[in-house]
All heavy atoms as atom14 arrays in JSON, in Angstrom:
{
  "sequence": "SLRCAMLGDLIAASAVENGWAGVILFGCIRDSREIGEMPLGV",
  "atom14_mask": [
    [1, 1, 1, 1, 1, 1, 0, 0, 0, 0, 0, 0, 0, 0],
    [1, 1, 1, 1, 1, 1, 1, 1, 0, 0, 0, 0, 0, 0],
    [1, 1, 1, 1, 1, 1, 1, 1, 1, 1, 1, 0, 0, 0],
    [1, 1, 1, 1, 1, 1, 0, 0, 0, 0, 0, 0, 0, 0],
    [1, 1, 1, 1, 1, 0, 0, 0, 0, 0, 0, 0, 0, 0],
    [1, 1, 1, 1, 1, 1, 1, 1, 0, 0, 0, 0, 0, 0],
    [1, 1, 1, 1, 1, 1, 1, 1, 0, 0, 0, 0, 0, 0],
    [1, 1, 1, 1, 0, 0, 0, 0, 0, 0, 0, 0, 0, 0],
    [1, 1, 1, 1, 1, 1, 1, 1, 0, 0, 0, 0, 0, 0],
    [1, 1, 1, 1, 1, 1, 1, 1, 0, 0, 0, 0, 0, 0],
    [1, 1, 1, 1, 1, 1, 1, 1, 0, 0, 0, 0, 0, 0],
    [1, 1, 1, 1, 1, 0, 0, 0, 0, 0, 0, 0, 0, 0],
    [1, 1, 1, 1, 1, 0, 0, 0, 0, 0, 0, 0, 0, 0],
    [1, 1, 1, 1, 1, 1, 0, 0, 0, 0, 0, 0, 0, 0],
    [1, 1, 1, 1, 1, 0, 0, 0, 0, 0, 0, 0, 0, 0],
    [1, 1, 1, 1, 1, 1, 1, 0, 0, 0, 0, 0, 0, 0],
    [1, 1, 1, 1, 1, 1, 1, 1, 1, 0, 0, 0, 0, 0],
    [1, 1, 1, 1, 1, 1, 1, 1, 0, 0, 0, 0, 0, 0],
    [1, 1, 1, 1, 0, 0, 0, 0, 0, 0, 0, 0, 0, 0],
    [1, 1, 1, 1, 1, 1, 1, 1, 1, 1, 1, 1, 1, 1],
    [1, 1, 1, 1, 1, 0, 0, 0, 0, 0, 0, 0, 0, 0],
    [1, 1, 1, 1, 0, 0, 0, 0, 0, 0, 0, 0, 0, 0],
    [1, 1, 1, 1, 1, 1, 1, 0, 0, 0, 0, 0, 0, 0],
    [1, 1, 1, 1, 1, 1, 1, 1, 0, 0, 0, 0, 0, 0],
    [1, 1, 1, 1, 1, 1, 1, 1, 0, 0, 0, 0, 0, 0],
    [1, 1, 1, 1, 1, 1, 1, 1, 1, 1, 1, 0, 0, 0],
    [1, 1, 1, 1, 0, 0, 0, 0, 0, 0, 0, 0, 0, 0],
    [1, 1, 1, 1, 1, 1, 0, 0, 0, 0, 0, 0, 0, 0],
    [1, 1, 1, 1, 1, 1, 1, 1, 0, 0, 0, 0, 0, 0],
    [1, 1, 1, 1, 1, 1, 1, 1, 1, 1, 1, 0, 0, 0],
    [1, 1, 1, 1, 1, 1, 1, 1, 0, 0, 0, 0, 0, 0],
    [1, 1, 1, 1, 1, 1, 0, 0, 0, 0, 0, 0, 0, 0],
    [1, 1, 1, 1, 1, 1, 1, 1, 1, 1, 1, 0, 0, 0],
    [1, 1, 1, 1, 1, 1, 1, 1, 1, 0, 0, 0, 0, 0],
    [1, 1, 1, 1, 1, 1, 1, 1, 0, 0, 0, 0, 0, 0],
    [1, 1, 1, 1, 0, 0, 0, 0, 0, 0, 0, 0, 0, 0],
    [1, 1, 1, 1, 1, 1, 1, 1, 1, 0, 0, 0, 0, 0],
    [1, 1, 1, 1, 1, 1, 1, 1, 0, 0, 0, 0, 0, 0],
    [1, 1, 1, 1, 1, 1, 1, 0, 0, 0, 0, 0, 0, 0],
    [1, 1, 1, 1, 1, 1, 1, 1, 0, 0, 0, 0, 0, 0],
    [1, 1, 1, 1, 0, 0, 0, 0, 0, 0, 0, 0, 0, 0],
    [1, 1, 1, 1, 1, 1, 1, 0, 0, 0, 0, 0, 0, 0]
  ],
  "atom14_positions": [
    [[-5.1, 14.18, -2.86], [-6.52, 13.86, -3.01], [-6.98, 12.89, -1.93], [-6.33, 11.86, -1.68], [-6.79, 13.25, -4.38], [-8.15, 12.82, -4.46], [0.0, 0.0, 0.0], [0.0, 0.0, 0.0], [0.0, 0.0, 0.0], [0.0, 0.0, 0.0], [0.0, 0.0, 0.0], [0.0, 0.0, 0.0], [0.0, 0.0, 0.0], [0.0, 0.0, 0.0]],
    [[-8.11, 13.2, -1.33], [-8.74, 12.32, -0.36], [-9.97, 11.64, -0.95], [-10.72, 10.97, -0.25], [-9.14, 13.12, 0.89], [-7.99, 13.84, 1.61], [-8.53, 14.65, 2.78], [-6.92, 12.86, 2.06], [0.0, 0.0, 0.0], [0.0, 0.0, 0.0], [0.0, 0.0, 0.0], [0.0, 0.0, 0.0], [0.0, 0.0, 0.0], [0.0, 0.0, 0.0]],
    [[-10.19, 11.8, -2.26], [-11.41, 11.29, -2.9], [-11.35, 9.84, -3.32], [-12.39, 9.24, -3.59], [-11.75, 12.16, -4.11], [-12.09, 13.58, -3.69], [-12.62, 14.39, -4.82], [-11.64, 14.52, -5.9], [-11.63, 15.52, -6.76], [-12.54, 16.46, -6.68], [-10.71, 15.59, -7.69], [0.0, 0.0, 0.0], [0.0, 0.0, 0.0], [0.0, 0.0, 0.0]],
    [[-10.13, 9.27, -3.4], [-10.02, 7.86, -3.79], [-8.69, 7.31, -3.31], [-7.78, 8.06, -3.0], [-10.17, 7.67, -5.3], [-8.84, 8.42, -6.27], [0.0, 0.0, 0.0], [0.0, 0.0, 0.0], [0.0, 0.0, 0.0], [0.0, 0.0, 0.0], [0.0, 0.0, 0.0], [0.0, 0.0, 0.0], [0.0, 0.0, 0.0], [0.0, 0.0, 0.0]],
    [[-8.59, 5.99, -3.29], [-7.36, 5.33, -2.86], [-6.47, 5.08, -4.07], [-6.94, 4.7, -5.14], [-7.68, 4.0, -2.18], [0.0, 0.0, 0.0], [0.0, 0.0, 0.0], [0.0, 0.0, 0.0], [0.0, 0.0, 0.0], [0.0, 0.0, 0.0], [0.0, 0.0, 0.0], [0.0, 0.0, 0.0], [0.0, 0.0, 0.0], [0.0, 0.0, 0.0]],
    [[-5.18, 5.27, -3.86], [-4.19, 5.04, -4.92], [-3.41, 3.75, -4.73], [-2.65, 3.34, -5.59], [-3.23, 6.22, -4.98], [-3.9, 7.55, -5.28], [-4.58, 7.62, -6.94], [-3.06, 7.82, -7.86], [0.0, 0.0, 0.0], [0.0, 0.0, 0.0], [0.0, 0.0, 0.0], [0.0, 0.0, 0.0], [0.0, 0.0, 0.0], [0.0, 0.0, 0.0]],
    [[-3.61, 3.09, -3.58], [-2.91, 1.85, -3.26], [-3.85, 0.97, -2.47], [-4.45, 1.43, -1.5], [-1.65, 2.15, -2.43], [-0.83, 0.94, -1.97], [-0.07, 0.34, -3.15], [0.14, 1.35, -0.87], [0.0, 0.0, 0.0], [0.0, 0.0, 0.0], [0.0, 0.0, 0.0], [0.0, 0.0, 0.0], [0.0, 0.0, 0.0], [0.0, 0.0, 0.0]],
    [[-3.97, -0.3, -2.9], [-4.77, -1.28, -2.18], [-3.93, -2.51, -1.92], [-2.74, -2.57, -2.23], [0.0, 0.0, 0.0], [0.0, 0.0, 0.0], [0.0, 0.0, 0.0], [0.0, 0.0, 0.0], [0.0, 0.0, 0.0], [0.0, 0.0, 0.0], [0.0, 0.0, 0.0], [0.0, 0.0, 0.0], [0.0, 0.0, 0.0], [0.0, 0.0, 0.0]],
    [[-4.59, -3.53, -1.36], [-3.84, -4.73, -0.95], [-3.2, -5.48, -2.1], [-2.1, -6.01, -1.94], [-4.73, -5.65, -0.11], [-5.95, -6.17, -0.85], [-6.36, -5.59, -1.87], [-6.53, -7.17, -0.37], [0.0, 0.0, 0.0], [0.0, 0.0, 0.0], [0.0, 0.0, 0.0], [0.0, 0.0, 0.0], [0.0, 0.0, 0.0], [0.0, 0.0, 0.0]],
    [[-3.81, -5.52, -3.26], [-3.23, -6.28, -4.37], [-1.96, -5.62, -4.9], [-0.95, -6.29, -5.14], [-4.26, -6.45, -5.5], [-5.51, -7.23, -5.12], [-6.47, -7.29, -6.31], [-5.17, -8.62, -4.62], [0.0, 0.0, 0.0], [0.0, 0.0, 0.0], [0.0, 0.0, 0.0], [0.0, 0.0, 0.0], [0.0, 0.0, 0.0], [0.0, 0.0, 0.0]],
    [[-1.99, -4.31, -5.05], [-0.79, -3.59, -5.52], [0.29, -3.62, -4.44], [1.47, -3.78, -4.73], [-1.14, -2.17, -5.96], [-2.1, -2.2, -7.16], [0.11, -1.38, -6.3], [-2.62, -0.84, -7.6], [0.0, 0.0, 0.0], [0.0, 0.0, 0.0], [0.0, 0.0, 0.0], [0.0, 0.0, 0.0], [0.0, 0.0, 0.0], [0.0, 0.0, 0.0]],
    [[-0.11, -3.49, -3.17], [0.87, -3.57, -2.07], [1.51, -4.95, -2.02], [2.73, -5.06, -1.8], [0.19, -3.24, -0.74], [0.0, 0.0, 0.0], [0.0, 0.0, 0.0], [0.0, 0.0, 0.0], [0.0, 0.0, 0.0], [0.0, 0.0, 0.0], [0.0, 0.0, 0.0], [0.0, 0.0, 0.0], [0.0, 0.0, 0.0], [0.0, 0.0, 0.0]],
    [[0.73, -6.0, -2.23], [1.28, -7.37, -2.26], [2.29, -7.51, -3.4], [3.33, -8.17, -3.25], [0.17, -8.4, -2.38], [0.0, 0.0, 0.0], [0.0, 0.0, 0.0], [0.0, 0.0, 0.0], [0.0, 0.0, 0.0], [0.0, 0.0, 0.0], [0.0, 0.0, 0.0], [0.0, 0.0, 0.0], [0.0, 0.0, 0.0], [0.0, 0.0, 0.0]],
    [[2.01, -6.88, -4.52], [2.95, -6.88, -5.65], [4.25, -6.19, -5.26], [5.35, -6.65, -5.6], [2.32, -6.18, -6.85], [3.23, -6.02, -7.9], [0.0, 0.0, 0.0], [0.0, 0.0, 0.0], [0.0, 0.0, 0.0], [0.0, 0.0, 0.0], [0.0, 0.0, 0.0], [0.0, 0.0, 0.0], [0.0, 0.0, 0.0], [0.0, 0.0, 0.0]],
    [[4.15, -5.09, -4.51], [5.34, -4.37, -4.04], [6.19, -5.26, -3.14], [7.42, -5.31, -3.28], [4.94, -3.1, -3.31], [0.0, 0.0, 0.0], [0.0, 0.0, 0.0], [0.0, 0.0, 0.0], [0.0, 0.0, 0.0], [0.0, 0.0, 0.0], [0.0, 0.0, 0.0], [0.0, 0.0, 0.0], [0.0, 0.0, 0.0], [0.0, 0.0, 0.0]],
    [[5.55, -5.98, -2.24], [6.28, -6.89, -1.34], [6.96, -7.98, -2.16], [8.15, -8.26, -1.98], [5.32, -7.51, -0.29], [6.02, -8.61, 0.48], [4.8, -6.44, 0.65], [0.0, 0.0, 0.0], [0.0, 0.0, 0.0], [0.0, 0.0, 0.0], [0.0, 0.0, 0.0], [0.0, 0.0, 0.0], [0.0, 0.0, 0.0], [0.0, 0.0, 0.0]],
    [[6.21, -8.58, -3.06], [6.73, -9.67, -3.9], [7.93, -9.22, -4.73], [8.85, -10.0, -4.98], [5.62, -10.17, -4.82], [5.98, -11.35, -5.67], [4.78, -11.83, -6.49], [3.69, -11.99, -5.92], [4.96, -12.01, -7.71], [0.0, 0.0, 0.0], [0.0, 0.0, 0.0], [0.0, 0.0, 0.0], [0.0, 0.0, 0.0], [0.0, 0.0, 0.0]],
    [[7.93, -7.94, -5.12], [8.99, -7.42, -5.98], [10.11, -6.71, -5.23], [10.99, -6.12, -5.85], [8.38, -6.51, -7.04], [7.6, -7.3, -8.06], [8.14, -8.22, -8.68], [6.33, -6.99, -8.21], [0.0, 0.0, 0.0], [0.0, 0.0, 0.0], [0.0, 0.0, 0.0], [0.0, 0.0, 0.0], [0.0, 0.0, 0.0], [0.0, 0.0, 0.0]],
    [[10.09, -6.77, -3.9], [11.22, -6.27, -3.12], [11.28, -4.78, -2.86], [12.36, -4.24, -2.6], [0.0, 0.0, 0.0], [0.0, 0.0, 0.0], [0.0, 0.0, 0.0], [0.0, 0.0, 0.0], [0.0, 0.0, 0.0], [0.0, 0.0, 0.0], [0.0, 0.0, 0.0], [0.0, 0.0, 0.0], [0.0, 0.0, 0.0], [0.0, 0.0, 0.0]],
    [[10.14, -4.1, -2.87], [10.11, -2.68, -2.53], [10.16, -2.54, -1.01], [9.57, -3.32, -0.28], [8.85, -2.02, -3.08], [8.91, -1.86, -4.56], [8.56, -2.81, -5.49], [9.37, -0.74, -5.29], [8.78, -2.33, -6.75], [9.27, -1.06, -6.66], [9.85, 0.51, -4.93], [9.64, -0.16, -7.67], [10.21, 1.4, -5.93], [10.11, 1.06, -7.27]],
    [[10.86, -1.52, -0.52], [10.93, -1.27, 0.92], [9.69, -0.56, 1.43], [9.26, -0.79, 2.56], [12.17, -0.43, 1.26], [0.0, 0.0, 0.0], [0.0, 0.0, 0.0], [0.0, 0.0, 0.0], [0.0, 0.0, 0.0], [0.0, 0.0, 0.0], [0.0, 0.0, 0.0], [0.0, 0.0, 0.0], [0.0, 0.0, 0.0], [0.0, 0.0, 0.0]],
    [[9.11, 0.31, 0.59], [7.94, 1.04, 1.05], [7.38, 1.99, 0.02], [7.9, 2.12, -1.09], [0.0, 0.0, 0.0], [0.0, 0.0, 0.0], [0.0, 0.0, 0.0], [0.0, 0.0, 0.0], [0.0, 0.0, 0.0], [0.0, 0.0, 0.0], [0.0, 0.0, 0.0], [0.0, 0.0, 0.0], [0.0, 0.0, 0.0], [0.0, 0.0, 0.0]],
    [[6.29, 2.63, 0.45], [5.57, 3.61, -0.38], [5.23, 4.8, 0.51], [4.7, 4.63, 1.62], [4.27, 3.02, -0.96], [3.52, 4.06, -1.77], [4.55, 1.78, -1.8], [0.0, 0.0, 0.0], [0.0, 0.0, 0.0], [0.0, 0.0, 0.0], [0.0, 0.0, 0.0], [0.0, 0.0, 0.0], [0.0, 0.0, 0.0], [0.0, 0.0, 0.0]],
    [[5.51, 6.0, 0.02], [5.07, 7.23, 0.66], [4.06, 7.84, -0.3], [4.4, 8.13, -1.45], [6.23, 8.2, 0.92], [7.25, 7.56, 1.85], [5.71, 9.52, 1.49], [8.55, 8.33, 1.95], [0.0, 0.0, 0.0], [0.0, 0.0, 0.0], [0.0, 0.0, 0.0], [0.0, 0.0, 0.0], [0.0, 0.0, 0.0], [0.0, 0.0, 0.0]],
    [[2.84, 8.02, 0.17], [1.75, 8.39, -0.72], [1.07, 9.66, -0.24], [0.45, 9.68, 0.83], [0.75, 7.23, -0.77], [-0.48, 7.37, -1.63], [-0.12, 7.64, -3.08], [-1.3, 6.1, -1.55], [0.0, 0.0, 0.0], [0.0, 0.0, 0.0], [0.0, 0.0, 0.0], [0.0, 0.0, 0.0], [0.0, 0.0, 0.0], [0.0, 0.0, 0.0]],
    [[1.19, 10.73, -1.02], [0.5, 11.98, -0.73], [-0.91, 11.84, -1.28], [-1.29, 12.41, -2.29], [1.25, 13.15, -1.36], [0.71, 14.51, -1.01], [0.45, 14.86, 0.31], [0.48, 15.45, -1.99], [-0.05, 16.11, 0.63], [0.0, 16.71, -1.68], [-0.28, 17.04, -0.37], [0.0, 0.0, 0.0], [0.0, 0.0, 0.0], [0.0, 0.0, 0.0]],
    [[-1.66, 10.98, -0.59], [-3.02, 10.61, -0.98], [-3.48, 9.5, -0.05], [-2.96, 9.34, 1.05], [0.0, 0.0, 0.0], [0.0, 0.0, 0.0], [0.0, 0.0, 0.0], [0.0, 0.0, 0.0], [0.0, 0.0, 0.0], [0.0, 0.0, 0.0], [0.0, 0.0, 0.0], [0.0, 0.0, 0.0], [0.0, 0.0, 0.0], [0.0, 0.0, 0.0]],
    [[-4.44, 8.71, -0.52], [-5.08, 7.68, 0.31], [-4.76, 6.26, -0.14], [-4.39, 6.02, -1.29], [-6.6, 7.85, 0.26], [-7.2, 9.34, 1.02], [0.0, 0.0, 0.0], [0.0, 0.0, 0.0], [0.0, 0.0, 0.0], [0.0, 0.0, 0.0], [0.0, 0.0, 0.0], [0.0, 0.0, 0.0], [0.0, 0.0, 0.0], [0.0, 0.0, 0.0]],
    [[-4.95, 5.34, 0.81], [-4.89, 3.92, 0.52], [-6.24, 3.29, 0.89], [-7.1, 3.95, 1.49], [-3.77, 3.2, 1.31], [-4.11, 3.15, 2.82], [-2.43, 3.88, 1.09], [-3.39, 2.07, 3.57], [0.0, 0.0, 0.0], [0.0, 0.0, 0.0], [0.0, 0.0, 0.0], [0.0, 0.0, 0.0], [0.0, 0.0, 0.0], [0.0, 0.0, 0.0]],
    [[-6.41, 2.03, 0.54], [-7.54, 1.24, 1.02], [-7.02, -0.13, 1.41], [-5.83, -0.4, 1.25], [-8.66, 1.17, -0.01], [-8.3, 0.44, -1.28], [-9.43, 0.58, -2.27], [-9.44, -0.53, -3.23], [-10.47, -0.84, -3.97], [-11.58, -0.14, -3.89], [-10.42, -1.84, -4.81], [0.0, 0.0, 0.0], [0.0, 0.0, 0.0], [0.0, 0.0, 0.0]],
    [[-7.87, -0.98, 1.93], [-7.44, -2.31, 2.4], [-6.38, -2.15, 3.49], [-5.4, -2.89, 3.54], [-6.9, -3.17, 1.26], [-7.9, -3.32, 0.11], [-9.07, -3.63, 0.4], [-7.5, -3.14, -1.05], [0.0, 0.0, 0.0], [0.0, 0.0, 0.0], [0.0, 0.0, 0.0], [0.0, 0.0, 0.0], [0.0, 0.0, 0.0], [0.0, 0.0, 0.0]],
    [[-6.59, -1.2, 4.39], [-5.56, -0.87, 5.38], [-5.25, -2.02, 6.33], [-4.09, -2.17, 6.74], [-5.96, 0.37, 6.18], [-7.18, 0.17, 6.87], [0.0, 0.0, 0.0], [0.0, 0.0, 0.0], [0.0, 0.0, 0.0], [0.0, 0.0, 0.0], [0.0, 0.0, 0.0], [0.0, 0.0, 0.0], [0.0, 0.0, 0.0], [0.0, 0.0, 0.0]],
    [[-6.23, -2.83, 6.66], [-5.95, -3.95, 7.57], [-4.98, -4.93, 6.93], [-4.0, -5.37, 7.55], [-7.24, -4.66, 7.95], [-7.02, -5.81, 8.9], [-8.3, -6.43, 9.34], [-8.03, -7.55, 10.25], [-8.94, -8.36, 10.69], [-10.21, -8.19, 10.35], [-8.62, -9.34, 11.49], [0.0, 0.0, 0.0], [0.0, 0.0, 0.0], [0.0, 0.0, 0.0]],
    [[-5.23, -5.28, 5.68], [-4.36, -6.22, 4.97], [-2.97, -5.63, 4.75], [-1.96, -6.32, 4.94], [-4.99, -6.63, 3.63], [-6.23, -7.47, 3.76], [-7.51, -6.69, 4.06], [-7.47, -5.43, 4.14], [-8.56, -7.32, 4.22], [0.0, 0.0, 0.0], [0.0, 0.0, 0.0], [0.0, 0.0, 0.0], [0.0, 0.0, 0.0], [0.0, 0.0, 0.0]],
    [[-2.91, -4.37, 4.38], [-1.61, -3.72, 4.17], [-0.83, -3.65, 5.49], [0.38, -3.82, 5.51], [-1.8, -2.33, 3.54], [-2.27, -2.49, 2.09], [-0.52, -1.5, 3.6], [-2.65, -1.21, 1.38], [0.0, 0.0, 0.0], [0.0, 0.0, 0.0], [0.0, 0.0, 0.0], [0.0, 0.0, 0.0], [0.0, 0.0, 0.0], [0.0, 0.0, 0.0]],
    [[-1.53, -3.48, 6.59], [-0.9, -3.43, 7.89], [-0.26, -4.74, 8.31], [0.57, -4.77, 9.22], [0.0, 0.0, 0.0], [0.0, 0.0, 0.0], [0.0, 0.0, 0.0], [0.0, 0.0, 0.0], [0.0, 0.0, 0.0], [0.0, 0.0, 0.0], [0.0, 0.0, 0.0], [0.0, 0.0, 0.0], [0.0, 0.0, 0.0], [0.0, 0.0, 0.0]],
    [[-0.61, -5.82, 7.66], [-0.03, -7.13, 7.95], [1.12, -7.49, 7.01], [1.73, -8.54, 7.14], [-1.12, -8.2, 7.88], [-2.19, -8.0, 8.95], [-3.39, -8.93, 8.79], [-3.44, -9.7, 7.8], [-4.28, -8.86, 9.65], [0.0, 0.0, 0.0], [0.0, 0.0, 0.0], [0.0, 0.0, 0.0], [0.0, 0.0, 0.0], [0.0, 0.0, 0.0]],
    [[1.41, -6.62, 6.06], [2.47, -6.89, 5.07], [3.8, -6.31, 5.51], [3.84, -5.25, 6.14], [2.08, -6.29, 3.72], [0.88, -6.91, 3.09], [0.53, -6.13, 1.5], [-1.08, -6.82, 1.16], [0.0, 0.0, 0.0], [0.0, 0.0, 0.0], [0.0, 0.0, 0.0], [0.0, 0.0, 0.0], [0.0, 0.0, 0.0], [0.0, 0.0, 0.0]],
    [[4.91, -6.98, 5.15], [6.25, -6.44, 5.48], [6.65, -5.33, 4.5], [7.56, -5.46, 3.7], [7.15, -7.67, 5.34], [6.48, -8.5, 4.3], [5.0, -8.29, 4.5], [0.0, 0.0, 0.0], [0.0, 0.0, 0.0], [0.0, 0.0, 0.0], [0.0, 0.0, 0.0], [0.0, 0.0, 0.0], [0.0, 0.0, 0.0], [0.0, 0.0, 0.0]],
    [[5.9, -4.23, 4.57], [6.08, -3.1, 3.67], [5.82, -1.82, 4.46], [4.87, -1.74, 5.23], [5.05, -3.2, 2.52], [5.09, -2.13, 1.45], [6.35, -2.25, 0.58], [3.84, -2.22, 0.56], [0.0, 0.0, 0.0], [0.0, 0.0, 0.0], [0.0, 0.0, 0.0], [0.0, 0.0, 0.0], [0.0, 0.0, 0.0], [0.0, 0.0, 0.0]],
    [[6.67, -0.83, 4.27], [6.42, 0.47, 4.87], [5.44, 1.24, 4.01], [5.59, 1.29, 2.79], [0.0, 0.0, 0.0], [0.0, 0.0, 0.0], [0.0, 0.0, 0.0], [0.0, 0.0, 0.0], [0.0, 0.0, 0.0], [0.0, 0.0, 0.0], [0.0, 0.0, 0.0], [0.0, 0.0, 0.0], [0.0, 0.0, 0.0], [0.0, 0.0, 0.0]],
    [[4.4, 1.8, 4.62], [3.43, 2.61, 3.89], [3.05, 3.81, 4.74], [2.53, 3.67, 5.84], [2.15, 1.82, 3.52], [1.14, 2.73, 2.81], [2.48, 0.61, 2.65], [0.0, 0.0, 0.0], [0.0, 0.0, 0.0], [0.0, 0.0, 0.0], [0.0, 0.0, 0.0], [0.0, 0.0, 0.0], [0.0, 0.0, 0.0], [0.0, 0.0, 0.0]]
  ]
}
């Protein structure tokens, strides 16, 4: 789906805090600038 984002900066920050290596998403994200500054693969 391209109609909405399934991952934003708050959930991505939670992933970083909890030790996830990354997310592969067959869909969209938002807050791309902030996510691009996080030590997380997306």
